[in-house]
Amino acid sequence: MILTHVGGPTLLLEVDGWRLLTDPTFDPSGRRYAFGWGTSSVKTAGPAVSVEEIGRVDAVLLTHDHHGDNLDDAGRALLASAGTVVTTRSGARRLAGSGAVDPDRVVGLAAGSTTVLEAPERAAIEVTATPCRHGPPLSHPIVGDVIGFALDGSDEGSGGTIWITGDTVLHRELLDVAGRLRVDVVVPHLGGVQFPVTGPVRYSMTARDAVRLCAALRPRAVVPVHYEGWSHFAQGRRAAQEQFDRAPRELRDALRWLEPGVPTDPGAR
């Protein structure tokens, strides 16, 4: 398994011959993106890897399509050349309806539902959508549908699942999933997202949340993404590291910060 952090939530996973890309964001820095209901954010860092350098993409795992920090203009353009796009059911309808993706190549999932990625001479990968709550209780009508992804059938030597949490706060359903999964590598979306208009309300996990989640998982590797590169990320790498420094040793040892743009085996020390 080789992981390359492009920036923000965007991660290239090379697993058993597959090239999977999460939440493609490839626009340059400097632009402000509106997220609705008076919220917005400025992209403060460009991608560490260009679309051209990414090369072949067999599938895009898109946690949600309606926020620019998870799918920007350049990322949306990339979808047309990707193999399969797996996203929320509402996102699949929007992408197919807009012509961004051929309807035959987009799969919409709700939390708990599953699809299988298959290709000749490669092991199939089962993709199960996991629940996200992208904000406080009752915020769904405002923030919309979001999912995470649990990948099984890959990296057979590790004997576990790769879990991309997606943009979510820590909530009971997420902890319930953590109690059921045997996770080898977890990719938590951090950042503790906040907006001035909504004050102290959080829209993604803090590192303290991630430590609690990972304590239930006990993964081999914790690979954070979605913590730097945007002005609405309230908690960056330094603050997150401080929380993990106070965690049990097995979690401290599992933490892997990827150098942007550098392909990395998360199991290597």
Protein backbone atom coordinates (compact mmCIF):
# COMPACT_ATOMS: atom_id res chain seq x y z
CA MET A 1 0.00 0.00 0.00
CA ILE A 2 1.36 3.41 -1.03
CA LEU A 3 -0.32 6.66 -0.02
CA THR A 4 0.36 10.13 -1.45
CA HIS A 5 -1.15 13.19 0.23
CA VAL A 6 -2.00 15.77 -2.43
CA GLY A 7 -3.35 18.29 0.10
CA GLY A 8 -6.49 18.95 2.15
CA PRO A 9 -8.61 15.78 1.97
CA THR A 10 -7.07 14.58 -1.30
CA LEU A 11 -5.18 11.29 -1.06
CA LEU A 12 -3.95 8.89 -3.74
CA LEU A 13 -4.13 5.26 -2.60
CA GLU A 14 -2.17 2.68 -4.60
CA VAL A 15 -3.36 -0.71 -3.39
CA ASP A 16 -3.04 -4.10 -5.08
CA GLY A 17 -2.75 -2.54 -8.55
CA TRP A 18 -5.59 -0.07 -7.92
CA ARG A 19 -5.17 3.72 -8.03
CA LEU A 20 -7.88 5.33 -5.92
CA LEU A 21 -8.23 9.06 -5.34
CA THR A 22 -10.20 10.65 -2.52
CA ASP A 23 -11.96 14.04 -2.69
CA PRO A 24 -10.02 15.56 -5.62
CA THR A 25 -8.94 19.17 -5.07
CA PHE A 26 -6.39 20.55 -7.54
CA ASP A 27 -7.17 24.28 -7.83
CA PRO A 28 -4.33 26.70 -7.02
CA SER A 29 -4.37 28.63 -3.76
CA GLY A 30 -5.87 32.08 -3.23
CA ARG A 31 -9.54 31.70 -4.12
CA ARG A 32 -12.46 32.02 -1.70
CA TYR A 33 -15.15 29.32 -1.94
CA ALA A 34 -18.70 29.81 -0.68
CA PHE A 35 -20.23 26.86 1.19
CA GLY A 36 -23.69 28.35 1.70
CA TRP A 37 -25.58 29.85 4.65
CA GLY A 38 -22.97 32.62 5.02
CA THR A 39 -19.98 30.27 5.30
CA SER A 40 -16.89 30.41 3.09
CA SER A 41 -13.19 29.59 3.09
CA VAL A 42 -10.01 30.60 1.29
CA LYS A 43 -7.73 27.93 -0.14
CA THR A 44 -4.31 28.75 1.33
CA ALA A 45 -2.16 26.04 -0.29
CA GLY A 46 -2.16 24.52 -3.73
CA PRO A 47 -1.86 20.79 -4.50
CA ALA A 48 1.49 19.08 -3.90
CA VAL A 49 0.85 16.94 -6.99
CA SER A 50 -0.70 18.13 -10.24
CA VAL A 51 -3.52 16.38 -12.08
CA GLU A 52 -1.03 15.45 -14.80
CA GLU A 53 1.35 13.89 -12.25
CA ILE A 54 -1.47 11.85 -10.71
CA GLY A 55 -1.90 9.84 -13.90
CA ARG A 56 -4.43 7.02 -14.15
CA VAL A 57 -7.27 7.03 -11.64
CA ASP A 58 -9.30 3.83 -11.45
CA ALA A 59 -11.87 5.21 -9.00
CA VAL A 60 -12.63 8.40 -7.14
CA LEU A 61 -13.99 8.09 -3.61
CA LEU A 62 -15.87 11.36 -3.17
CA THR A 63 -17.22 11.92 0.33
CA HIS A 64 -19.40 14.77 -0.94
CA ASP A 65 -19.56 16.88 -4.06
CA HIS A 66 -21.07 20.14 -2.81
CA HIS A 67 -18.20 21.73 -0.84
CA GLY A 68 -15.25 23.24 -2.70
CA ASP A 69 -12.68 21.94 -0.22
CA ASN A 70 -13.67 18.38 -1.17
CA LEU A 71 -14.32 18.87 -4.88
CA ASP A 72 -13.04 22.02 -6.57
CA ASP A 73 -13.17 22.99 -10.23
CA ALA A 74 -10.01 21.15 -11.29
CA GLY A 75 -11.08 18.11 -9.28
CA ARG A 76 -14.48 18.13 -10.95
CA ALA A 77 -12.83 18.24 -14.38
CA LEU A 78 -10.75 15.19 -13.41
CA LEU A 79 -13.88 13.12 -12.81
CA ALA A 80 -14.53 12.84 -16.54
CA SER A 81 -11.34 10.81 -17.04
CA ALA A 82 -11.57 8.68 -13.87
CA GLY A 83 -12.88 5.15 -14.01
CA THR A 84 -15.66 4.96 -11.42
CA VAL A 85 -16.87 7.70 -9.09
CA VAL A 86 -18.34 6.55 -5.77
CA THR A 87 -20.16 9.19 -3.74
CA THR A 88 -23.43 9.96 -1.95
CA ARG A 89 -26.72 9.19 -3.65
CA SER A 90 -27.62 12.86 -3.92
CA GLY A 91 -24.13 13.66 -5.20
CA ALA A 92 -24.37 10.93 -7.84
CA ARG A 93 -27.60 12.49 -9.12
CA ARG A 94 -26.04 15.96 -9.25
CA LEU A 95 -22.87 14.80 -11.00
CA ALA A 96 -24.75 12.74 -13.58
CA GLY A 97 -27.32 15.47 -14.12
CA SER A 98 -24.68 18.14 -14.68
CA GLY A 99 -22.75 16.01 -17.16
CA ALA A 100 -19.63 15.96 -14.96
CA VAL A 101 -19.70 12.14 -14.97
CA ASP A 102 -21.31 9.62 -17.28
CA PRO A 103 -24.29 8.13 -15.37
CA ASP A 104 -22.92 4.63 -16.02
CA ARG A 105 -19.70 5.48 -14.15
CA VAL A 106 -21.07 7.05 -10.97
CA VAL A 107 -22.27 5.00 -7.99
CA GLY A 108 -24.34 6.59 -5.23
CA LEU A 109 -24.24 5.07 -1.75
CA ALA A 110 -26.00 5.70 1.54
CA ALA A 111 -24.33 4.87 4.84
CA GLY A 112 -24.24 1.09 5.23
CA SER A 113 -24.57 0.29 1.53
CA THR A 114 -21.82 -1.32 -0.52
CA THR A 115 -20.42 -1.48 -4.03
CA VAL A 116 -17.57 -3.59 -5.43
CA LEU A 117 -14.73 -2.30 -7.59
CA GLU A 118 -13.69 -4.97 -10.09
CA ALA A 119 -11.14 -5.10 -12.89
CA PRO A 120 -9.31 -7.85 -14.79
CA GLU A 121 -6.27 -9.31 -13.01
CA ARG A 122 -6.88 -7.31 -9.83
CA ALA A 123 -8.40 -8.32 -6.53
CA ALA A 124 -11.89 -6.87 -6.11
CA ILE A 125 -12.32 -4.16 -3.48
CA GLU A 126 -15.56 -3.91 -1.52
CA VAL A 127 -16.42 -0.28 -0.72
CA THR A 128 -18.88 0.32 2.11
CA ALA A 129 -20.21 3.79 2.89
CA THR A 130 -19.86 4.81 6.53
CA PRO A 131 -21.93 7.47 8.33
CA CYS A 132 -20.83 11.08 8.61
CA ARG A 133 -22.39 13.98 10.46
CA HIS A 134 -20.77 17.07 9.01
CA GLY A 135 -21.77 19.36 11.87
CA PRO A 136 -23.79 19.59 15.08
CA PRO A 137 -27.03 17.63 15.67
CA LEU A 138 -29.84 18.52 13.25
CA SER A 139 -27.42 20.20 10.81
CA HIS A 140 -28.05 17.78 7.94
CA PRO A 141 -30.52 20.03 6.08
CA ILE A 142 -27.78 22.68 5.98
CA VAL A 143 -24.61 20.65 5.41
CA GLY A 144 -26.09 17.95 3.17
CA ASP A 145 -25.18 14.31 2.60
CA VAL A 146 -21.65 13.12 3.42
CA ILE A 147 -20.20 9.60 3.67
CA GLY A 148 -16.92 7.91 4.53
CA PHE A 149 -15.50 4.75 2.94
CA ALA A 150 -14.38 1.41 4.37
CA LEU A 151 -12.33 -0.58 1.85
CA ASP A 152 -12.03 -4.36 2.15
CA GLY A 153 -10.33 -6.94 -0.03
CA SER A 154 -7.20 -4.84 -0.43
CA ASP A 155 -3.78 -5.32 1.14
CA GLU A 156 -4.56 -8.89 2.13
CA GLY A 157 -1.36 -9.24 4.10
CA SER A 158 -2.53 -6.67 6.63
CA GLY A 159 -5.76 -8.49 7.40
CA GLY A 160 -7.80 -5.34 7.91
CA THR A 161 -9.81 -2.50 6.46
CA ILE A 162 -8.74 0.90 5.14
CA TRP A 163 -11.17 3.48 6.51
CA ILE A 164 -11.48 7.04 5.19
CA THR A 165 -13.74 8.74 7.73
CA GLY A 166 -14.90 11.63 5.54
CA ASP A 167 -15.81 15.06 6.91
CA THR A 168 -17.56 14.30 10.18
CA VAL A 169 -17.66 15.22 13.82
CA LEU A 170 -17.38 12.45 16.39
CA HIS A 171 -20.85 11.00 17.02
CA ARG A 172 -22.43 7.81 18.25
CA GLU A 173 -22.92 6.19 14.82
CA LEU A 174 -19.26 6.72 14.03
CA LEU A 175 -18.18 5.08 17.28
CA ASP A 176 -20.57 2.21 16.58
CA VAL A 177 -18.88 1.64 13.22
CA ALA A 178 -15.47 1.77 14.92
CA GLY A 179 -16.61 -0.97 17.26
CA ARG A 180 -17.50 -3.25 14.34
CA LEU A 181 -14.59 -2.68 11.95
CA ARG A 182 -11.20 -4.37 12.06
CA VAL A 183 -9.20 -1.43 10.74
CA ASP A 184 -5.62 -1.64 9.53
CA VAL A 185 -5.23 1.95 8.31
CA VAL A 186 -7.54 4.80 9.28
CA VAL A 187 -7.54 8.14 7.44
CA PRO A 188 -9.31 10.64 9.73
CA HIS A 189 -10.48 13.96 8.36
CA LEU A 190 -9.37 16.45 11.01
CA GLY A 191 -9.20 20.26 11.07
CA GLY A 192 -11.86 20.98 13.70
CA VAL A 193 -13.59 23.13 11.06
CA GLN A 194 -15.22 26.34 12.28
CA PHE A 195 -16.75 29.42 10.67
CA PRO A 196 -17.09 32.92 12.19
CA VAL A 197 -20.83 32.99 11.46
CA THR A 198 -21.47 29.87 13.59
CA GLY A 199 -19.01 30.57 16.41
CA PRO A 200 -17.69 27.56 18.35
CA VAL A 201 -19.64 24.94 16.35
CA ARG A 202 -17.41 22.30 14.75
CA TYR A 203 -17.93 20.67 11.34
CA SER A 204 -15.13 18.09 11.40
CA MET A 205 -13.15 16.16 13.99
CA THR A 206 -10.50 17.63 16.22
CA ALA A 207 -7.43 15.57 17.08
CA ARG A 208 -8.96 14.85 20.50
CA ASP A 209 -11.95 13.35 18.69
CA ALA A 210 -9.63 11.32 16.46
CA VAL A 211 -7.70 9.97 19.44
CA ARG A 212 -10.95 8.78 20.99
CA LEU A 213 -12.04 7.17 17.72
CA CYS A 214 -8.66 5.51 17.14
CA ALA A 215 -8.58 4.17 20.69
CA ALA A 216 -11.63 2.11 19.73
CA LEU A 217 -10.05 1.02 16.44
CA ARG A 218 -6.45 0.23 17.47
CA PRO A 219 -5.22 0.51 13.85
CA ARG A 220 -1.74 -0.24 12.56
CA ALA A 221 -1.51 3.26 11.09
CA VAL A 222 -3.33 6.59 11.54
CA VAL A 223 -2.89 8.86 8.51
CA PRO A 224 -4.51 12.29 9.07
CA VAL A 225 -5.73 14.45 6.18
CA HIS A 226 -7.97 17.55 5.96
CA TYR A 227 -6.09 19.64 8.52
CA GLU A 228 -4.18 22.31 6.56
CA GLY A 229 -4.54 24.29 3.35
CA TRP A 230 -7.84 26.08 4.01
CA SER A 231 -8.74 29.03 6.22
CA HIS A 232 -11.66 27.24 7.88
CA PHE A 233 -9.40 24.54 9.33
CA ALA A 234 -9.19 25.65 12.96
CA GLN A 235 -6.70 22.98 14.08
CA GLY A 236 -3.55 22.24 12.10
CA ARG A 237 -0.83 19.64 12.35
CA ARG A 238 0.94 21.14 15.36
CA ALA A 239 -2.16 21.22 17.55
CA ALA A 240 -3.13 17.74 16.39
CA GLN A 241 0.33 16.38 17.17
CA GLU A 242 0.07 17.73 20.72
CA GLN A 243 -3.12 15.73 21.26
CA PHE A 244 -1.58 12.52 19.92
CA ASP A 245 1.50 13.09 22.08
CA ARG A 246 -0.79 12.68 25.10
CA ALA A 247 -2.44 9.53 23.70
CA PRO A 248 -1.52 5.97 24.67
CA ARG A 249 1.79 4.81 23.23
CA GLU A 250 0.20 2.46 20.68
CA LEU A 251 -1.63 5.43 19.10
CA ARG A 252 1.45 7.64 19.21
CA ASP A 253 3.38 4.91 17.42
CA ALA A 254 0.62 4.44 14.84
CA LEU A 255 0.48 8.12 13.80
CA ARG A 256 1.86 8.87 10.32
CA TRP A 257 2.11 12.41 8.96
CA LEU A 258 2.57 12.19 5.20
CA GLU A 259 4.87 14.69 3.54
CA PRO A 260 2.69 16.23 0.80
CA GLY A 261 3.51 14.86 -2.61
CA VAL A 262 5.73 12.04 -1.34
CA PRO A 263 4.50 8.44 -1.93
CA THR A 264 4.69 6.66 1.43
CA ASP A 265 4.12 3.18 2.80
CA PRO A 266 2.14 3.87 5.99
CA GLY A 267 3.44 0.64 7.52
CA ALA A 268 7.09 1.68 7.24
CA ARG A 269 8.90 3.43 10.11
